[in-house]
Amino acid sequence: MPLLSPELQLSKPWQPSSVWKIFPRQAQAFDYVKTCKEEVHVFALEKNTEDGQRFYLVTTYIELWFYYK
């Protein structure tokens, strides 16, 4: 599953609703976290470029583990 895919879903209907948002700035990611009802977290990721540009993923531990285990 590509990291930047806009429509990701967990495979089981009883699992929590999908939260998977990418932000170019850390402050934007933390502002979004404040609006979420789910227990979400911010993860910093780096693109594979020479400048090492980071972007920030907001999702739950369950969803992150679902796609990266």
PDB file of N, CA and C in Angstrom:
ATOM      1  N   MET A   1       0.856  -1.172   0.000  1.00  0.00           N
ATOM      2  CA  MET A   1       0.000   0.000   0.000  1.00  0.00           C
ATOM      3  C   MET A   1       0.900   1.232   0.000  1.00  0.00           C
ATOM      4  N   PRO A   2       0.759   2.114  -0.989  1.00  0.00           N
ATOM      5  CA  PRO A   2       1.605   3.304  -1.032  1.00  0.00           C
ATOM      6  C   PRO A   2       1.336   4.228   0.152  1.00  0.00           C
ATOM      7  N   LEU A   3       2.380   4.828   0.651  1.00  0.00           N
ATOM      8  CA  LEU A   3       2.262   5.692   1.820  1.00  0.00           C
ATOM      9  C   LEU A   3       1.338   6.876   1.566  1.00  0.00           C
ATOM     10  N   LEU A   4       1.377   7.442   0.399  1.00  0.00           N
ATOM     11  CA  LEU A   4       0.604   8.645   0.130  1.00  0.00           C
ATOM     12  C   LEU A   4      -0.768   8.366  -0.463  1.00  0.00           C
ATOM     13  N   SER A   5      -1.210   7.137  -0.433  1.00  0.00           N
ATOM     14  CA  SER A   5      -2.529   6.792  -0.949  1.00  0.00           C
ATOM     15  C   SER A   5      -3.607   7.551  -0.188  1.00  0.00           C
ATOM     16  N   PRO A   6      -4.493   8.265  -0.894  1.00  0.00           N
ATOM     17  CA  PRO A   6      -5.485   9.095  -0.206  1.00  0.00           C
ATOM     18  C   PRO A   6      -6.601   8.312   0.472  1.00  0.00           C
ATOM     19  N   GLU A   7      -6.889   7.117   0.013  1.00  0.00           N
ATOM     20  CA  GLU A   7      -8.027   6.362   0.548  1.00  0.00           C
ATOM     21  C   GLU A   7      -7.566   5.014   1.081  1.00  0.00           C
ATOM     22  N   LEU A   8      -7.153   4.986   2.317  1.00  0.00           N
ATOM     23  CA  LEU A   8      -6.742   3.739   2.941  1.00  0.00           C
ATOM     24  C   LEU A   8      -7.825   3.295   3.903  1.00  0.00           C
ATOM     25  N   GLN A   9      -8.032   1.993   3.996  1.00  0.00           N
ATOM     26  CA  GLN A   9      -9.030   1.489   4.934  1.00  0.00           C
ATOM     27  C   GLN A   9      -8.528   0.214   5.575  1.00  0.00           C
ATOM     28  N   LEU A  10      -8.849   0.057   6.815  1.00  0.00           N
ATOM     29  CA  LEU A  10      -8.558  -1.203   7.481  1.00  0.00           C
ATOM     30  C   LEU A  10      -9.485  -2.268   6.916  1.00  0.00           C
ATOM     31  N   SER A  11      -9.087  -3.512   7.031  1.00  0.00           N
ATOM     32  CA  SER A  11      -9.844  -4.572   6.374  1.00  0.00           C
ATOM     33  C   SER A  11     -11.066  -5.048   7.146  1.00  0.00           C
ATOM     34  N   LYS A  12     -11.168  -4.739   8.414  1.00  0.00           N
ATOM     35  CA  LYS A  12     -12.267  -5.246   9.231  1.00  0.00           C
ATOM     36  C   LYS A  12     -13.197  -4.109   9.659  1.00  0.00           C
ATOM     37  N   PRO A  13     -14.504  -4.280   9.488  1.00  0.00           N
ATOM     38  CA  PRO A  13     -15.440  -3.192   9.796  1.00  0.00           C
ATOM     39  C   PRO A  13     -15.473  -2.792  11.265  1.00  0.00           C
ATOM     40  N   TRP A  14     -15.087  -3.695  12.183  1.00  0.00           N
ATOM     41  CA  TRP A  14     -15.124  -3.349  13.608  1.00  0.00           C
ATOM     42  C   TRP A  14     -13.892  -2.555  14.045  1.00  0.00           C
ATOM     43  N   GLN A  15     -12.932  -2.387  13.159  1.00  0.00           N
ATOM     44  CA  GLN A  15     -11.743  -1.621  13.516  1.00  0.00           C
ATOM     45  C   GLN A  15     -12.051  -0.123  13.472  1.00  0.00           C
ATOM     46  N   PRO A  16     -11.230   0.686  14.130  1.00  0.00           N
ATOM     47  CA  PRO A  16     -11.526   2.119  14.204  1.00  0.00           C
ATOM     48  C   PRO A  16     -11.570   2.774  12.834  1.00  0.00           C
ATOM     49  N   SER A  17     -12.271   3.899  12.768  1.00  0.00           N
ATOM     50  CA  SER A  17     -12.360   4.612  11.497  1.00  0.00           C
ATOM     51  C   SER A  17     -10.968   5.036  11.043  1.00  0.00           C
ATOM     52  N   SER A  18     -10.830   5.135   9.751  1.00  0.00           N
ATOM     53  CA  SER A  18      -9.534   5.419   9.155  1.00  0.00           C
ATOM     54  C   SER A  18      -9.139   6.882   9.332  1.00  0.00           C
ATOM     55  N   VAL A  19      -7.963   7.105   9.890  1.00  0.00           N
ATOM     56  CA  VAL A  19      -7.360   8.438   9.944  1.00  0.00           C
ATOM     57  C   VAL A  19      -5.972   8.284   9.351  1.00  0.00           C
ATOM     58  N   TRP A  20      -5.756   8.949   8.221  1.00  0.00           N
ATOM     59  CA  TRP A  20      -4.476   8.840   7.521  1.00  0.00           C
ATOM     60  C   TRP A  20      -4.284  10.141   6.761  1.00  0.00           C
ATOM     61  N   LYS A  21      -3.639  11.100   7.393  1.00  0.00           N
ATOM     62  CA  LYS A  21      -3.465  12.423   6.782  1.00  0.00           C
ATOM     63  C   LYS A  21      -1.986  12.761   6.734  1.00  0.00           C
ATOM     64  N   ILE A  22      -1.563  13.326   5.617  1.00  0.00           N
ATOM     65  CA  ILE A  22      -0.179  13.741   5.404  1.00  0.00           C
ATOM     66  C   ILE A  22      -0.113  15.268   5.416  1.00  0.00           C
ATOM     67  N   PHE A  23       0.886  15.802   6.114  1.00  0.00           N
ATOM     68  CA  PHE A  23       1.069  17.252   6.197  1.00  0.00           C
ATOM     69  C   PHE A  23       2.519  17.607   5.882  1.00  0.00           C
ATOM     70  N   PRO A  24       2.737  18.744   5.208  1.00  0.00           N
ATOM     71  CA  PRO A  24       4.107  19.165   4.908  1.00  0.00           C
ATOM     72  C   PRO A  24       4.795  19.815   6.107  1.00  0.00           C
ATOM     73  N   ARG A  25       4.011  20.276   7.077  1.00  0.00           N
ATOM     74  CA  ARG A  25       4.568  20.972   8.246  1.00  0.00           C
ATOM     75  C   ARG A  25       4.125  20.292   9.541  1.00  0.00           C
ATOM     76  N   GLN A  26       5.051  20.197  10.476  1.00  0.00           N
ATOM     77  CA  GLN A  26       4.771  19.555  11.754  1.00  0.00           C
ATOM     78  C   GLN A  26       3.648  20.266  12.505  1.00  0.00           C
ATOM     79  N   ALA A  27       3.655  21.586  12.500  1.00  0.00           N
ATOM     80  CA  ALA A  27       2.624  22.353  13.213  1.00  0.00           C
ATOM     81  C   ALA A  27       1.236  22.046  12.666  1.00  0.00           C
ATOM     82  N   GLN A  28       1.112  21.882  11.358  1.00  0.00           N
ATOM     83  CA  GLN A  28      -0.182  21.545  10.756  1.00  0.00           C
ATOM     84  C   GLN A  28      -0.658  20.177  11.245  1.00  0.00           C
ATOM     85  N   ALA A  29       0.261  19.239  11.340  1.00  0.00           N
ATOM     86  CA  ALA A  29      -0.093  17.893  11.803  1.00  0.00           C
ATOM     87  C   ALA A  29      -0.596  17.939  13.244  1.00  0.00           C
ATOM     88  N   PHE A  30       0.096  18.678  14.107  1.00  0.00           N
ATOM     89  CA  PHE A  30      -0.331  18.751  15.507  1.00  0.00           C
ATOM     90  C   PHE A  30      -1.640  19.523  15.660  1.00  0.00           C
ATOM     91  N   ASP A  31      -1.866  20.516  14.815  1.00  0.00           N
ATOM     92  CA  ASP A  31      -3.156  21.221  14.840  1.00  0.00           C
ATOM     93  C   ASP A  31      -4.287  20.268  14.465  1.00  0.00           C
ATOM     94  N   TYR A  32      -4.046  19.416  13.474  1.00  0.00           N
ATOM     95  CA  TYR A  32      -5.056  18.447  13.060  1.00  0.00           C
ATOM     96  C   TYR A  32      -5.342  17.439  14.174  1.00  0.00           C
ATOM     97  N   VAL A  33      -4.300  16.992  14.865  1.00  0.00           N
ATOM     98  CA  VAL A  33      -4.468  16.035  15.970  1.00  0.00           C
ATOM     99  C   VAL A  33      -5.456  16.575  17.000  1.00  0.00           C
ATOM    100  N   LYS A  34      -5.403  17.861  17.265  1.00  0.00           N
ATOM    101  CA  LYS A  34      -6.287  18.479  18.261  1.00  0.00           C
ATOM    102  C   LYS A  34      -7.759  18.390  17.865  1.00  0.00           C
ATOM    103  N   THR A  35      -8.043  18.201  16.578  1.00  0.00           N
ATOM    104  CA  THR A  35      -9.427  18.133  16.098  1.00  0.00           C
ATOM    105  C   THR A  35      -9.963  16.705  16.023  1.00  0.00           C
ATOM    106  N   CYS A  36      -9.120  15.721  16.232  1.00  0.00           N
ATOM    107  CA  CYS A  36      -9.514  14.318  16.074  1.00  0.00           C
ATOM    108  C   CYS A  36     -10.129  13.757  17.347  1.00  0.00           C
ATOM    109  N   LYS A  37     -11.162  12.947  17.161  1.00  0.00           N
ATOM    110  CA  LYS A  37     -11.773  12.236  18.285  1.00  0.00           C
ATOM    111  C   LYS A  37     -10.993  10.960  18.601  1.00  0.00           C
ATOM    112  N   GLU A  38     -10.397  10.361  17.581  1.00  0.00           N
ATOM    113  CA  GLU A  38      -9.615   9.146  17.758  1.00  0.00           C
ATOM    114  C   GLU A  38      -8.280   9.478  18.431  1.00  0.00           C
ATOM    115  N   GLU A  39      -7.665   8.473  19.034  1.00  0.00           N
ATOM    116  CA  GLU A  39      -6.333   8.660  19.615  1.00  0.00           C
ATOM    117  C   GLU A  39      -5.310   8.502  18.494  1.00  0.00           C
ATOM    118  N   VAL A  40      -4.895   9.621  17.934  1.00  0.00           N
ATOM    119  CA  VAL A  40      -3.961   9.620  16.811  1.00  0.00           C
ATOM    120  C   VAL A  40      -2.609  10.168  17.254  1.00  0.00           C
ATOM    121  N   HIS A  41      -1.616   9.923  16.417  1.00  0.00           N
ATOM    122  CA  HIS A  41      -0.243  10.330  16.710  1.00  0.00           C
ATOM    123  C   HIS A  41       0.384  10.887  15.443  1.00  0.00           C
ATOM    124  N   VAL A  42       1.441  11.672  15.616  1.00  0.00           N
ATOM    125  CA  VAL A  42       2.175  12.250  14.489  1.00  0.00           C
ATOM    126  C   VAL A  42       3.460  11.453  14.296  1.00  0.00           C
ATOM    127  N   PHE A  43       3.692  11.050  13.058  1.00  0.00           N
ATOM    128  CA  PHE A  43       4.902  10.322  12.701  1.00  0.00           C
ATOM    129  C   PHE A  43       5.661  11.140  11.664  1.00  0.00           C
ATOM    130  N   ALA A  44       6.951  11.353  11.890  1.00  0.00           N
ATOM    131  CA  ALA A  44       7.790  12.087  10.938  1.00  0.00           C
ATOM    132  C   ALA A  44       8.412  11.085   9.972  1.00  0.00           C
ATOM    133  N   LEU A  45       8.321  11.406   8.692  1.00  0.00           N
ATOM    134  CA  LEU A  45       8.864  10.542   7.646  1.00  0.00           C
ATOM    135  C   LEU A  45       9.719  11.385   6.716  1.00  0.00           C
ATOM    136  N   GLU A  46      10.697  10.757   6.090  1.00  0.00           N
ATOM    137  CA  GLU A  46      11.555  11.463   5.150  1.00  0.00           C
ATOM    138  C   GLU A  46      11.382  10.898   3.763  1.00  0.00           C
ATOM    139  N   LYS A  47      11.289  11.805   2.802  1.00  0.00           N
ATOM    140  CA  LYS A  47      11.239  11.371   1.406  1.00  0.00           C
ATOM    141  C   LYS A  47      12.634  10.937   0.989  1.00  0.00           C
ATOM    142  N   ASN A  48      12.692  10.102   0.008  1.00  0.00           N
ATOM    143  CA  ASN A  48      13.971   9.619  -0.498  1.00  0.00           C
ATOM    144  C   ASN A  48      14.586  10.644  -1.443  1.00  0.00           C
ATOM    145  N   THR A  49      15.003  11.757  -0.902  1.00  0.00           N
ATOM    146  CA  THR A  49      15.628  12.802  -1.708  1.00  0.00           C
ATOM    147  C   THR A  49      16.910  13.247  -1.026  1.00  0.00           C
ATOM    148  N   GLU A  50      17.743  13.947  -1.764  1.00  0.00           N
ATOM    149  CA  GLU A  50      19.012  14.414  -1.207  1.00  0.00           C
ATOM    150  C   GLU A  50      18.814  15.448  -0.106  1.00  0.00           C
ATOM    151  N   ASP A  51      17.758  16.237  -0.205  1.00  0.00           N
ATOM    152  CA  ASP A  51      17.556  17.290   0.798  1.00  0.00           C
ATOM    153  C   ASP A  51      16.913  16.760   2.079  1.00  0.00           C
ATOM    154  N   GLY A  52      16.499  15.491   2.088  1.00  0.00           N
ATOM    155  CA  GLY A  52      15.946  14.889   3.299  1.00  0.00           C
ATOM    156  C   GLY A  52      14.673  15.548   3.786  1.00  0.00           C
ATOM    157  N   GLN A  53      13.844  16.001   2.866  1.00  0.00           N
ATOM    158  CA  GLN A  53      12.603  16.688   3.234  1.00  0.00           C
ATOM    159  C   GLN A  53      11.689  15.767   4.035  1.00  0.00           C
ATOM    160  N   ARG A  54      11.187  16.274   5.142  1.00  0.00           N
ATOM    161  CA  ARG A  54      10.275  15.504   5.986  1.00  0.00           C
ATOM    162  C   ARG A  54       8.834  15.859   5.686  1.00  0.00           C
ATOM    163  N   PHE A  55       7.977  14.899   5.944  1.00  0.00           N
ATOM    164  CA  PHE A  55       6.548  15.159   5.967  1.00  0.00           C
ATOM    165  C   PHE A  55       5.996  14.423   7.166  1.00  0.00           C
ATOM    166  N   TYR A  56       4.757  14.722   7.525  1.00  0.00           N
ATOM    167  CA  TYR A  56       4.210  14.262   8.796  1.00  0.00           C
ATOM    168  C   TYR A  56       2.898  13.527   8.566  1.00  0.00           C
ATOM    169  N   LEU A  57       2.840  12.325   9.072  1.00  0.00           N
ATOM    170  CA  LEU A  57       1.674  11.464   8.943  1.00  0.00           C
ATOM    171  C   LEU A  57       0.923  11.458  10.265  1.00  0.00           C
ATOM    172  N   VAL A  58      -0.390  11.660  10.196  1.00  0.00           N
ATOM    173  CA  VAL A  58      -1.248  11.547  11.375  1.00  0.00           C
ATOM    174  C   VAL A  58      -2.111  10.315  11.188  1.00  0.00           C
ATOM    175  N   THR A  59      -2.005   9.383  12.127  1.00  0.00           N
ATOM    176  CA  THR A  59      -2.798   8.162  12.089  1.00  0.00           C
ATOM    177  C   THR A  59      -2.779   7.514  13.474  1.00  0.00           C
ATOM    178  N   THR A  60      -3.468   6.396  13.594  1.00  0.00           N
ATOM    179  CA  THR A  60      -3.475   5.649  14.858  1.00  0.00           C
ATOM    180  C   THR A  60      -2.357   4.608  14.823  1.00  0.00           C
ATOM    181  N   TYR A  61      -1.966   4.138  16.001  1.00  0.00           N
ATOM    182  CA  TYR A  61      -0.986   3.047  16.057  1.00  0.00           C
ATOM    183  C   TYR A  61      -1.522   1.813  15.344  1.00  0.00           C
ATOM    184  N   ILE A  62      -2.803   1.529  15.530  1.00  0.00           N
ATOM    185  CA  ILE A  62      -3.410   0.336  14.916  1.00  0.00           C
ATOM    186  C   ILE A  62      -3.308   0.400  13.398  1.00  0.00           C
ATOM    187  N   GLU A  63      -3.638   1.554  12.840  1.00  0.00           N
ATOM    188  CA  GLU A  63      -3.611   1.673  11.385  1.00  0.00           C
ATOM    189  C   GLU A  63      -2.182   1.652  10.845  1.00  0.00           C
ATOM    190  N   LEU A  64      -1.283   2.323  11.514  1.00  0.00           N
ATOM    191  CA  LEU A  64       0.113   2.304  11.075  1.00  0.00           C
ATOM    192  C   LEU A  64       0.642   0.869  11.083  1.00  0.00           C
ATOM    193  N   TRP A  65       0.373   0.148  12.151  1.00  0.00           N
ATOM    194  CA  TRP A  65       0.842  -1.232  12.257  1.00  0.00           C
ATOM    195  C   TRP A  65       0.186  -2.119  11.199  1.00  0.00           C
ATOM    196  N   PHE A  66      -1.089  -1.871  10.890  1.00  0.00           N
ATOM    197  CA  PHE A  66      -1.806  -2.648   9.886  1.00  0.00           C
ATOM    198  C   PHE A  66      -1.085  -2.587   8.536  1.00  0.00           C
ATOM    199  N   TYR A  67      -0.591  -1.404   8.159  1.00  0.00           N
ATOM    200  CA  TYR A  67       0.042  -1.247   6.850  1.00  0.00           C
ATOM    201  C   TYR A  67       1.537  -1.520   6.845  1.00  0.00           C
ATOM    202  N   TYR A  68       2.188  -1.492   8.001  1.00  0.00           N
ATOM    203  CA  TYR A  68       3.646  -1.623   8.009  1.00  0.00           C
ATOM    204  C   TYR A  68       4.174  -2.808   8.792  1.00  0.00           C
ATOM    205  N   LYS A  69       3.308  -3.758   9.130  1.00  0.00           N
ATOM    206  CA  LYS A  69       3.817  -4.939   9.848  1.00  0.00           C
ATOM    207  C   LYS A  69       4.425  -5.941   8.902  1.00  0.00           C
TER     208      LYS A  69
END
